[in-house]
């Protein structure tokens, strides 16, 4: 399975593609950061992100997309830009017919490092180890995108099975 992880941001947006092969072995496919100039109008910046997401989806053909769930921050302007970038990522994935998952920062940290309170360095070290990389990807947005993809590879199938079981156990309502 191949997952595109997206760490949304208006100025810097991390993108990482990870494959899970036989025995759950992880391998890096690609990692980068999309950047948009802060001086540009927000609509222009979101359009640039859309083109970037579409290009990554076309180039790397992921089976699923994992996006970081936006959490409230003290800086409303920052959270708005992050939410807008995340929405564009969701739109691009949906348009491509790909399943999309949202993962919280603490869920990603716990999946990759074993602790939902891990700091950026701990997550980066674990991503580097898990993907057998010579060096930690930089900037942190790139590492976070890879961590999102890894989290989804490890937790996504289990969550899908739980959701399917819950749906199957719901009583059906007969049509009148």
N, C-alpha and C. Protein backbone atom coordinates (compact mmCIF):
# COMPACT_ATOMS: atom_id res chain seq x y z
N UNK A 1 0.85 -1.17 0.00
CA UNK A 1 0.00 0.00 0.00
C UNK A 1 0.89 1.24 0.00
N UNK A 2 0.46 2.25 -0.69
CA UNK A 2 1.21 3.51 -0.81
C UNK A 2 0.33 4.64 -0.27
N UNK A 3 0.91 5.43 0.65
CA UNK A 3 0.16 6.53 1.26
C UNK A 3 0.90 7.84 1.07
N UNK A 4 0.14 8.86 0.69
CA UNK A 4 0.64 10.23 0.62
C UNK A 4 0.25 10.91 1.91
N UNK A 5 1.25 11.33 2.70
CA UNK A 5 1.01 12.08 3.92
C UNK A 5 1.15 13.56 3.63
N UNK A 6 0.22 14.35 4.15
CA UNK A 6 0.25 15.80 3.92
C UNK A 6 0.17 16.52 5.26
N UNK A 7 1.20 17.29 5.56
CA UNK A 7 1.23 18.15 6.74
C UNK A 7 0.86 19.54 6.24
N UNK A 8 -0.43 19.92 6.36
CA UNK A 8 -0.88 21.14 5.71
C UNK A 8 -0.32 22.42 6.32
N UNK A 9 -0.06 23.36 5.45
CA UNK A 9 0.40 24.68 5.85
C UNK A 9 0.31 25.58 4.64
N UNK A 10 0.07 26.84 4.88
CA UNK A 10 -0.06 27.78 3.77
C UNK A 10 1.30 28.24 3.26
N UNK A 11 2.25 28.42 4.15
CA UNK A 11 3.60 28.83 3.74
C UNK A 11 4.47 27.64 3.40
N UNK A 12 4.43 26.60 4.26
CA UNK A 12 5.17 25.36 4.04
C UNK A 12 4.23 24.19 4.25
N UNK A 13 4.12 23.34 3.25
CA UNK A 13 3.24 22.18 3.31
C UNK A 13 4.06 20.93 3.03
N UNK A 14 4.19 20.07 4.04
CA UNK A 14 4.99 18.86 3.88
C UNK A 14 4.25 17.79 3.11
N UNK A 15 4.98 17.10 2.23
CA UNK A 15 4.44 16.00 1.45
C UNK A 15 5.39 14.81 1.57
N UNK A 16 4.85 13.65 1.85
CA UNK A 16 5.68 12.46 1.95
C UNK A 16 4.92 11.24 1.48
N UNK A 17 5.56 10.42 0.66
CA UNK A 17 4.94 9.20 0.16
C UNK A 17 5.74 8.02 0.69
N UNK A 18 5.02 7.08 1.31
CA UNK A 18 5.64 5.89 1.90
C UNK A 18 4.91 4.66 1.40
N UNK A 19 5.70 3.63 1.07
CA UNK A 19 5.16 2.33 0.68
C UNK A 19 5.29 1.37 1.85
N UNK A 20 4.32 0.48 1.97
CA UNK A 20 4.41 -0.62 2.93
C UNK A 20 4.42 -1.90 2.11
N UNK A 21 5.53 -2.62 2.21
CA UNK A 21 5.67 -3.83 1.42
C UNK A 21 5.42 -5.08 2.24
N UNK A 22 5.96 -6.19 1.77
CA UNK A 22 5.81 -7.48 2.44
C UNK A 22 6.32 -7.39 3.87
N UNK A 23 5.56 -7.95 4.77
CA UNK A 23 5.96 -7.94 6.17
C UNK A 23 5.88 -6.58 6.82
N UNK A 24 5.20 -5.64 6.17
CA UNK A 24 5.06 -4.31 6.74
C UNK A 24 6.30 -3.45 6.61
N UNK A 25 7.25 -3.88 5.80
CA UNK A 25 8.49 -3.11 5.62
C UNK A 25 8.16 -1.78 4.94
N UNK A 26 8.61 -0.70 5.54
CA UNK A 26 8.34 0.64 5.03
C UNK A 26 9.47 1.12 4.14
N UNK A 27 9.11 1.87 3.09
CA UNK A 27 10.14 2.46 2.24
C UNK A 27 9.70 3.84 1.77
N UNK A 28 10.66 4.75 1.76
CA UNK A 28 10.43 6.10 1.30
C UNK A 28 10.31 6.12 -0.22
N UNK A 29 9.28 6.77 -0.71
CA UNK A 29 9.11 6.95 -2.15
C UNK A 29 9.55 8.37 -2.52
N UNK A 30 9.03 9.36 -1.78
CA UNK A 30 9.37 10.76 -2.07
C UNK A 30 9.01 11.62 -0.87
N UNK A 31 9.72 12.72 -0.74
CA UNK A 31 9.42 13.69 0.31
C UNK A 31 9.83 15.07 -0.17
N UNK A 32 9.02 16.07 0.17
CA UNK A 32 9.34 17.44 -0.22
C UNK A 32 8.43 18.39 0.56
N UNK A 33 8.64 19.66 0.34
CA UNK A 33 7.81 20.69 0.96
C UNK A 33 7.37 21.65 -0.13
N UNK A 34 6.05 21.86 -0.22
CA UNK A 34 5.52 22.88 -1.13
C UNK A 34 5.56 24.20 -0.38
N UNK A 35 6.03 25.25 -1.03
CA UNK A 35 6.11 26.56 -0.41
C UNK A 35 5.32 27.57 -1.24
N UNK A 36 4.65 28.48 -0.53
CA UNK A 36 3.97 29.57 -1.22
C UNK A 36 4.43 30.88 -0.60
N UNK A 37 4.61 31.91 -1.40
CA UNK A 37 5.09 33.20 -0.89
C UNK A 37 4.05 33.89 -0.01
N UNK A 38 4.41 34.25 1.22
CA UNK A 38 3.47 34.92 2.12
C UNK A 38 2.90 36.22 1.55
N UNK A 39 3.62 36.86 0.64
CA UNK A 39 3.15 38.13 0.07
C UNK A 39 2.02 37.92 -0.95
N UNK A 40 1.89 36.69 -1.47
CA UNK A 40 0.84 36.43 -2.46
C UNK A 40 -0.53 36.39 -1.78
N UNK A 41 -1.57 36.65 -2.56
CA UNK A 41 -2.95 36.58 -2.07
C UNK A 41 -3.26 35.13 -1.69
N UNK A 42 -4.07 34.94 -0.66
CA UNK A 42 -4.39 33.61 -0.18
C UNK A 42 -4.98 32.72 -1.28
N UNK A 43 -5.79 33.27 -2.16
CA UNK A 43 -6.38 32.48 -3.24
C UNK A 43 -5.30 31.95 -4.18
N UNK A 44 -4.32 32.77 -4.48
CA UNK A 44 -3.21 32.36 -5.34
C UNK A 44 -2.40 31.26 -4.67
N UNK A 45 -2.19 31.39 -3.37
CA UNK A 45 -1.42 30.39 -2.62
C UNK A 45 -2.15 29.05 -2.57
N UNK A 46 -3.46 29.09 -2.35
CA UNK A 46 -4.24 27.86 -2.31
C UNK A 46 -4.28 27.18 -3.68
N UNK A 47 -4.34 27.98 -4.73
CA UNK A 47 -4.30 27.43 -6.09
C UNK A 47 -2.96 26.74 -6.35
N UNK A 48 -1.88 27.34 -5.88
CA UNK A 48 -0.55 26.73 -6.04
C UNK A 48 -0.48 25.40 -5.29
N UNK A 49 -1.06 25.35 -4.09
CA UNK A 49 -1.09 24.09 -3.35
C UNK A 49 -1.92 23.04 -4.09
N UNK A 50 -3.05 23.46 -4.65
CA UNK A 50 -3.88 22.52 -5.40
C UNK A 50 -3.09 21.90 -6.56
N UNK A 51 -2.39 22.74 -7.30
CA UNK A 51 -1.58 22.22 -8.43
C UNK A 51 -0.51 21.26 -7.92
N UNK A 52 0.12 21.61 -6.81
CA UNK A 52 1.15 20.75 -6.23
C UNK A 52 0.58 19.41 -5.77
N UNK A 53 -0.55 19.43 -5.07
CA UNK A 53 -1.17 18.18 -4.62
C UNK A 53 -1.56 17.31 -5.80
N UNK A 54 -2.20 17.93 -6.80
CA UNK A 54 -2.61 17.16 -7.99
C UNK A 54 -1.40 16.52 -8.67
N UNK A 55 -0.30 17.26 -8.76
CA UNK A 55 0.90 16.73 -9.40
C UNK A 55 1.47 15.55 -8.60
N UNK A 56 1.49 15.66 -7.28
CA UNK A 56 2.00 14.56 -6.45
C UNK A 56 1.11 13.33 -6.56
N UNK A 57 -0.19 13.54 -6.57
CA UNK A 57 -1.11 12.41 -6.70
C UNK A 57 -0.91 11.72 -8.05
N UNK A 58 -0.78 12.50 -9.11
CA UNK A 58 -0.57 11.93 -10.45
C UNK A 58 0.78 11.22 -10.55
N UNK A 59 1.82 11.83 -10.00
CA UNK A 59 3.18 11.29 -10.11
C UNK A 59 3.38 10.03 -9.27
N UNK A 60 2.82 10.00 -8.05
CA UNK A 60 3.14 8.92 -7.12
C UNK A 60 2.02 7.90 -6.94
N UNK A 61 0.86 8.14 -7.51
CA UNK A 61 -0.27 7.20 -7.50
C UNK A 61 -0.50 6.54 -6.13
N UNK A 62 -0.79 7.34 -5.09
CA UNK A 62 -1.03 6.74 -3.78
C UNK A 62 -2.35 5.97 -3.75
N UNK A 63 -2.44 5.04 -2.80
CA UNK A 63 -3.68 4.30 -2.58
C UNK A 63 -4.59 5.03 -1.60
N UNK A 64 -3.99 5.92 -0.80
CA UNK A 64 -4.74 6.69 0.20
C UNK A 64 -3.97 7.97 0.52
N UNK A 65 -4.67 8.91 1.12
CA UNK A 65 -4.06 10.18 1.53
C UNK A 65 -4.35 10.38 3.02
N UNK A 66 -3.31 10.73 3.76
CA UNK A 66 -3.45 11.01 5.19
C UNK A 66 -3.09 12.47 5.43
N UNK A 67 -3.99 13.19 6.06
CA UNK A 67 -3.81 14.62 6.30
C UNK A 67 -3.88 14.87 7.80
N UNK A 68 -3.02 15.77 8.28
CA UNK A 68 -3.06 16.09 9.70
C UNK A 68 -4.34 16.86 10.01
N UNK A 69 -5.05 16.40 11.04
CA UNK A 69 -6.27 17.08 11.49
C UNK A 69 -5.85 18.38 12.15
N UNK A 70 -6.49 19.46 11.74
CA UNK A 70 -6.15 20.78 12.26
C UNK A 70 -6.67 20.93 13.67
N UNK A 71 -5.77 21.34 14.55
CA UNK A 71 -6.13 21.62 15.93
C UNK A 71 -6.09 23.11 16.15
N UNK A 72 -6.91 23.59 17.06
CA UNK A 72 -6.91 25.03 17.33
C UNK A 72 -5.57 25.44 17.91
N UNK A 73 -5.15 26.59 17.51
CA UNK A 73 -3.92 27.17 18.00
C UNK A 73 -4.25 28.56 18.51
N UNK A 74 -3.30 29.14 19.22
CA UNK A 74 -3.53 30.48 19.75
C UNK A 74 -3.56 31.51 18.63
N UNK A 75 -2.85 31.27 17.56
CA UNK A 75 -2.79 32.20 16.44
C UNK A 75 -3.88 31.83 15.43
N UNK A 76 -4.97 32.57 15.44
CA UNK A 76 -6.11 32.28 14.56
C UNK A 76 -5.70 32.35 13.10
N UNK A 77 -4.85 33.27 12.75
CA UNK A 77 -4.42 33.42 11.36
C UNK A 77 -3.68 32.17 10.88
N UNK A 78 -2.83 31.63 11.75
CA UNK A 78 -2.09 30.41 11.39
C UNK A 78 -3.03 29.23 11.23
N UNK A 79 -3.96 29.07 12.16
CA UNK A 79 -4.87 27.93 12.09
C UNK A 79 -5.78 28.04 10.86
N UNK A 80 -6.17 29.24 10.49
CA UNK A 80 -7.00 29.42 9.29
C UNK A 80 -6.24 28.98 8.04
N UNK A 81 -5.00 29.41 7.90
CA UNK A 81 -4.21 29.01 6.74
C UNK A 81 -3.99 27.51 6.70
N UNK A 82 -3.73 26.91 7.85
CA UNK A 82 -3.54 25.47 7.93
C UNK A 82 -4.82 24.74 7.55
N UNK A 83 -5.94 25.21 8.06
CA UNK A 83 -7.24 24.59 7.73
C UNK A 83 -7.55 24.72 6.25
N UNK A 84 -7.27 25.88 5.67
CA UNK A 84 -7.52 26.08 4.25
C UNK A 84 -6.65 25.15 3.40
N UNK A 85 -5.38 25.04 3.75
CA UNK A 85 -4.47 24.15 3.02
C UNK A 85 -4.93 22.70 3.16
N UNK A 86 -5.36 22.31 4.37
CA UNK A 86 -5.86 20.95 4.58
C UNK A 86 -7.10 20.67 3.77
N UNK A 87 -7.99 21.66 3.67
CA UNK A 87 -9.21 21.49 2.88
C UNK A 87 -8.88 21.28 1.40
N UNK A 88 -7.90 22.00 0.89
CA UNK A 88 -7.49 21.82 -0.50
C UNK A 88 -6.94 20.39 -0.70
N UNK A 89 -6.17 19.91 0.27
CA UNK A 89 -5.64 18.54 0.18
C UNK A 89 -6.78 17.52 0.14
N UNK A 90 -7.78 17.72 1.00
CA UNK A 90 -8.94 16.81 1.02
C UNK A 90 -9.68 16.84 -0.32
N UNK A 91 -9.86 18.03 -0.85
CA UNK A 91 -10.54 18.19 -2.13
C UNK A 91 -9.80 17.46 -3.25
N UNK A 92 -8.48 17.64 -3.31
CA UNK A 92 -7.69 17.00 -4.38
C UNK A 92 -7.75 15.48 -4.27
N UNK A 93 -7.66 14.96 -3.05
CA UNK A 93 -7.74 13.51 -2.86
C UNK A 93 -9.12 12.98 -3.26
N UNK A 94 -10.17 13.69 -2.84
CA UNK A 94 -11.53 13.25 -3.17
C UNK A 94 -11.76 13.30 -4.68
N UNK A 95 -11.27 14.34 -5.32
CA UNK A 95 -11.43 14.47 -6.77
C UNK A 95 -10.73 13.32 -7.49
N UNK A 96 -9.62 12.83 -6.92
CA UNK A 96 -8.89 11.72 -7.52
C UNK A 96 -9.48 10.36 -7.13
N UNK A 97 -10.54 10.39 -6.31
CA UNK A 97 -11.19 9.15 -5.91
C UNK A 97 -10.43 8.37 -4.86
N UNK A 98 -9.57 9.05 -4.11
CA UNK A 98 -8.75 8.38 -3.10
C UNK A 98 -9.38 8.48 -1.72
N UNK A 99 -9.27 7.41 -0.93
CA UNK A 99 -9.73 7.51 0.45
C UNK A 99 -8.83 8.47 1.22
N UNK A 100 -9.46 9.23 2.12
CA UNK A 100 -8.73 10.24 2.89
C UNK A 100 -8.93 9.95 4.38
N UNK A 101 -7.86 10.07 5.14
CA UNK A 101 -7.94 9.92 6.59
C UNK A 101 -7.35 11.16 7.24
N UNK A 102 -7.96 11.56 8.35
CA UNK A 102 -7.43 12.67 9.14
C UNK A 102 -6.87 12.08 10.43
N UNK A 103 -5.64 12.45 10.75
CA UNK A 103 -4.99 11.96 11.97
C UNK A 103 -4.56 13.14 12.82
N UNK A 104 -4.80 13.04 14.12
CA UNK A 104 -4.40 14.11 15.03
C UNK A 104 -2.89 14.06 15.25
N UNK A 105 -2.30 15.20 15.62
CA UNK A 105 -0.87 15.20 15.91
C UNK A 105 -0.48 14.18 16.99
N UNK A 106 -1.27 14.05 18.05
CA UNK A 106 -0.91 13.10 19.10
C UNK A 106 -1.04 11.65 18.63
N UNK A 107 -2.00 11.38 17.75
CA UNK A 107 -2.15 10.04 17.17
C UNK A 107 -0.93 9.68 16.33
N UNK A 108 -0.46 10.65 15.54
CA UNK A 108 0.71 10.42 14.68
C UNK A 108 1.95 10.19 15.54
N UNK A 109 2.13 11.03 16.56
CA UNK A 109 3.29 10.88 17.45
C UNK A 109 3.28 9.52 18.14
N UNK A 110 2.11 9.11 18.62
CA UNK A 110 2.00 7.83 19.30
C UNK A 110 2.29 6.66 18.36
N UNK A 111 1.79 6.74 17.13
CA UNK A 111 2.00 5.66 16.17
C UNK A 111 3.48 5.52 15.81
N UNK A 112 4.16 6.63 15.66
CA UNK A 112 5.55 6.60 15.19
C UNK A 112 6.55 6.40 16.32
N UNK A 113 6.29 7.06 17.46
CA UNK A 113 7.29 7.04 18.54
C UNK A 113 6.86 6.26 19.77
N UNK A 114 5.58 5.94 19.87
CA UNK A 114 5.09 5.25 21.06
C UNK A 114 4.56 6.19 22.12
N UNK A 115 4.72 7.49 21.92
CA UNK A 115 4.22 8.48 22.88
C UNK A 115 3.51 9.61 22.15
N UNK A 116 2.28 9.88 22.56
CA UNK A 116 1.52 10.98 21.96
C UNK A 116 2.05 12.34 22.33
N UNK A 117 3.02 12.38 23.23
CA UNK A 117 3.63 13.65 23.66
C UNK A 117 5.06 13.80 23.17
N UNK A 118 5.46 12.99 22.22
CA UNK A 118 6.82 13.07 21.68
C UNK A 118 7.06 14.44 21.05
N UNK A 119 8.30 14.89 21.13
CA UNK A 119 8.62 16.17 20.50
C UNK A 119 9.05 15.94 19.05
N UNK A 120 9.27 17.04 18.35
CA UNK A 120 9.62 16.96 16.91
C UNK A 120 10.88 16.12 16.69
N UNK A 121 11.86 16.25 17.55
CA UNK A 121 13.11 15.52 17.39
C UNK A 121 12.87 14.02 17.54
N UNK A 122 12.10 13.62 18.55
CA UNK A 122 11.82 12.20 18.75
C UNK A 122 11.09 11.61 17.55
N UNK A 123 10.12 12.33 17.03
CA UNK A 123 9.38 11.87 15.84
C UNK A 123 10.34 11.76 14.65
N UNK A 124 11.17 12.77 14.48
CA UNK A 124 12.12 12.76 13.37
C UNK A 124 13.10 11.61 13.44
N UNK A 125 13.59 11.31 14.63
CA UNK A 125 14.52 10.19 14.81
C UNK A 125 13.83 8.88 14.45
N UNK A 126 12.59 8.71 14.90
CA UNK A 126 11.88 7.47 14.60
C UNK A 126 11.55 7.34 13.12
N UNK A 127 11.14 8.42 12.48
CA UNK A 127 10.87 8.38 11.04
C UNK A 127 12.15 7.98 10.29
N UNK A 128 13.26 8.56 10.69
CA UNK A 128 14.55 8.26 10.07
C UNK A 128 14.89 6.78 10.23
N UNK A 129 14.68 6.24 11.42
CA UNK A 129 14.95 4.81 11.66
C UNK A 129 14.00 3.91 10.89
N UNK A 130 12.71 4.21 10.99
CA UNK A 130 11.71 3.35 10.35
C UNK A 130 11.89 3.27 8.84
N UNK A 131 12.32 4.38 8.24
CA UNK A 131 12.51 4.41 6.78
C UNK A 131 13.96 4.12 6.38
N UNK A 132 14.80 3.85 7.39
CA UNK A 132 16.22 3.53 7.15
C UNK A 132 16.90 4.61 6.30
N UNK A 133 16.74 5.86 6.73
CA UNK A 133 17.32 6.99 6.01
C UNK A 133 18.69 7.34 6.60
N UNK A 134 19.54 7.90 5.78
CA UNK A 134 20.86 8.31 6.25
C UNK A 134 20.79 9.55 7.14
N UNK A 135 19.81 10.39 6.89
CA UNK A 135 19.66 11.63 7.67
C UNK A 135 18.18 11.95 7.81
N UNK A 136 17.87 12.73 8.85
CA UNK A 136 16.49 13.14 9.10
C UNK A 136 16.06 14.13 8.01
N UNK A 137 14.88 13.92 7.44
CA UNK A 137 14.39 14.88 6.43
C UNK A 137 14.18 16.26 7.06
N UNK A 138 14.47 17.29 6.30
CA UNK A 138 14.23 18.65 6.76
C UNK A 138 13.47 19.40 5.69
N UNK A 139 12.71 20.42 6.05
CA UNK A 139 12.40 20.87 7.40
C UNK A 139 11.44 19.91 8.09
N UNK A 140 11.01 20.26 9.30
CA UNK A 140 10.14 19.40 10.10
C UNK A 140 8.83 19.07 9.37
N UNK A 141 8.36 19.95 8.49
CA UNK A 141 7.13 19.69 7.75
C UNK A 141 7.25 18.43 6.90
N UNK A 142 8.44 18.20 6.35
CA UNK A 142 8.68 17.00 5.54
C UNK A 142 8.63 15.75 6.42
N UNK A 143 9.29 15.82 7.56
CA UNK A 143 9.28 14.69 8.50
C UNK A 143 7.86 14.41 8.98
N UNK A 144 7.11 15.47 9.28
CA UNK A 144 5.73 15.30 9.74
C UNK A 144 4.86 14.63 8.68
N UNK A 145 5.07 14.96 7.42
CA UNK A 145 4.30 14.34 6.34
C UNK A 145 4.60 12.84 6.26
N UNK A 146 5.86 12.48 6.41
CA UNK A 146 6.23 11.06 6.40
C UNK A 146 5.63 10.34 7.61
N UNK A 147 5.64 11.00 8.77
CA UNK A 147 5.06 10.42 9.98
C UNK A 147 3.55 10.18 9.78
N UNK A 148 2.88 11.10 9.11
CA UNK A 148 1.45 10.93 8.82
C UNK A 148 1.22 9.70 7.94
N UNK A 149 2.04 9.55 6.91
CA UNK A 149 1.90 8.39 6.02
C UNK A 149 2.13 7.10 6.79
N UNK A 150 3.16 7.07 7.63
CA UNK A 150 3.46 5.87 8.43
C UNK A 150 2.31 5.58 9.39
N UNK A 151 1.82 6.60 10.05
CA UNK A 151 0.68 6.43 10.96
C UNK A 151 -0.49 5.80 10.23
N UNK A 152 -0.79 6.29 9.06
CA UNK A 152 -1.93 5.74 8.32
C UNK A 152 -1.68 4.30 7.89
N UNK A 153 -0.48 4.00 7.47
CA UNK A 153 -0.17 2.63 7.07
C UNK A 153 -0.36 1.66 8.24
N UNK A 154 -0.02 2.11 9.43
CA UNK A 154 -0.11 1.24 10.59
C UNK A 154 -1.48 1.25 11.25
N UNK A 155 -2.17 2.39 11.21
CA UNK A 155 -3.45 2.50 11.92
C UNK A 155 -4.66 2.52 11.01
N UNK A 156 -4.49 2.95 9.79
CA UNK A 156 -5.61 3.09 8.87
C UNK A 156 -6.38 1.81 8.63
N UNK A 157 -5.71 0.70 8.28
CA UNK A 157 -6.46 -0.54 8.03
C UNK A 157 -7.24 -1.02 9.26
N UNK A 158 -6.66 -0.87 10.44
CA UNK A 158 -7.37 -1.28 11.65
C UNK A 158 -8.59 -0.40 11.88
N UNK A 159 -8.44 0.89 11.68
CA UNK A 159 -9.58 1.81 11.84
C UNK A 159 -10.67 1.50 10.82
N UNK A 160 -10.28 1.16 9.60
CA UNK A 160 -11.26 0.81 8.57
C UNK A 160 -12.04 -0.44 8.96
N UNK A 161 -11.33 -1.45 9.50
CA UNK A 161 -12.00 -2.68 9.93
C UNK A 161 -12.97 -2.41 11.08
N UNK A 162 -12.56 -1.57 12.03
CA UNK A 162 -13.44 -1.22 13.14
C UNK A 162 -14.70 -0.49 12.65
N UNK A 163 -14.51 0.45 11.73
CA UNK A 163 -15.66 1.19 11.20
C UNK A 163 -16.60 0.25 10.45
N UNK A 164 -16.05 -0.68 9.68
CA UNK A 164 -16.88 -1.63 8.93
C UNK A 164 -17.64 -2.54 9.90
N UNK A 165 -16.99 -2.98 10.97
CA UNK A 165 -17.65 -3.84 11.96
C UNK A 165 -18.77 -3.07 12.66
N UNK A 166 -18.51 -1.82 13.00
CA UNK A 166 -19.53 -1.00 13.66
C UNK A 166 -20.72 -0.79 12.73
N UNK A 167 -20.47 -0.52 11.46
CA UNK A 167 -21.55 -0.33 10.50
C UNK A 167 -22.35 -1.62 10.32
N UNK A 168 -21.67 -2.74 10.30
CA UNK A 168 -22.36 -4.03 10.11
C UNK A 168 -23.21 -4.39 11.31
N UNK A 169 -22.83 -3.91 12.50
CA UNK A 169 -23.57 -4.27 13.70
C UNK A 169 -24.78 -3.36 13.97
N UNK A 170 -24.88 -2.27 13.23
CA UNK A 170 -26.03 -1.37 13.40
C UNK A 170 -27.29 -2.03 12.87
N UNK A 171 -28.40 -1.89 13.61
CA UNK A 171 -29.65 -2.47 13.09
C UNK A 171 -30.10 -1.73 11.84
N UNK A 172 -30.62 -2.46 10.92
CA UNK A 172 -31.12 -1.85 9.69
C UNK A 172 -32.57 -1.48 9.87
N UNK A 173 -32.96 -0.43 9.22
CA UNK A 173 -34.36 0.03 9.28
C UNK A 173 -35.04 -0.40 8.00
N UNK A 174 -36.14 -1.14 8.17
CA UNK A 174 -36.87 -1.61 7.00
C UNK A 174 -37.57 -0.45 6.31
N UNK A 175 -37.57 -0.47 5.00
CA UNK A 175 -38.25 0.58 4.23
C UNK A 175 -39.75 0.37 4.33
N UNK A 176 -40.49 1.45 4.36
CA UNK A 176 -41.96 1.36 4.45
C UNK A 176 -42.58 1.33 3.10
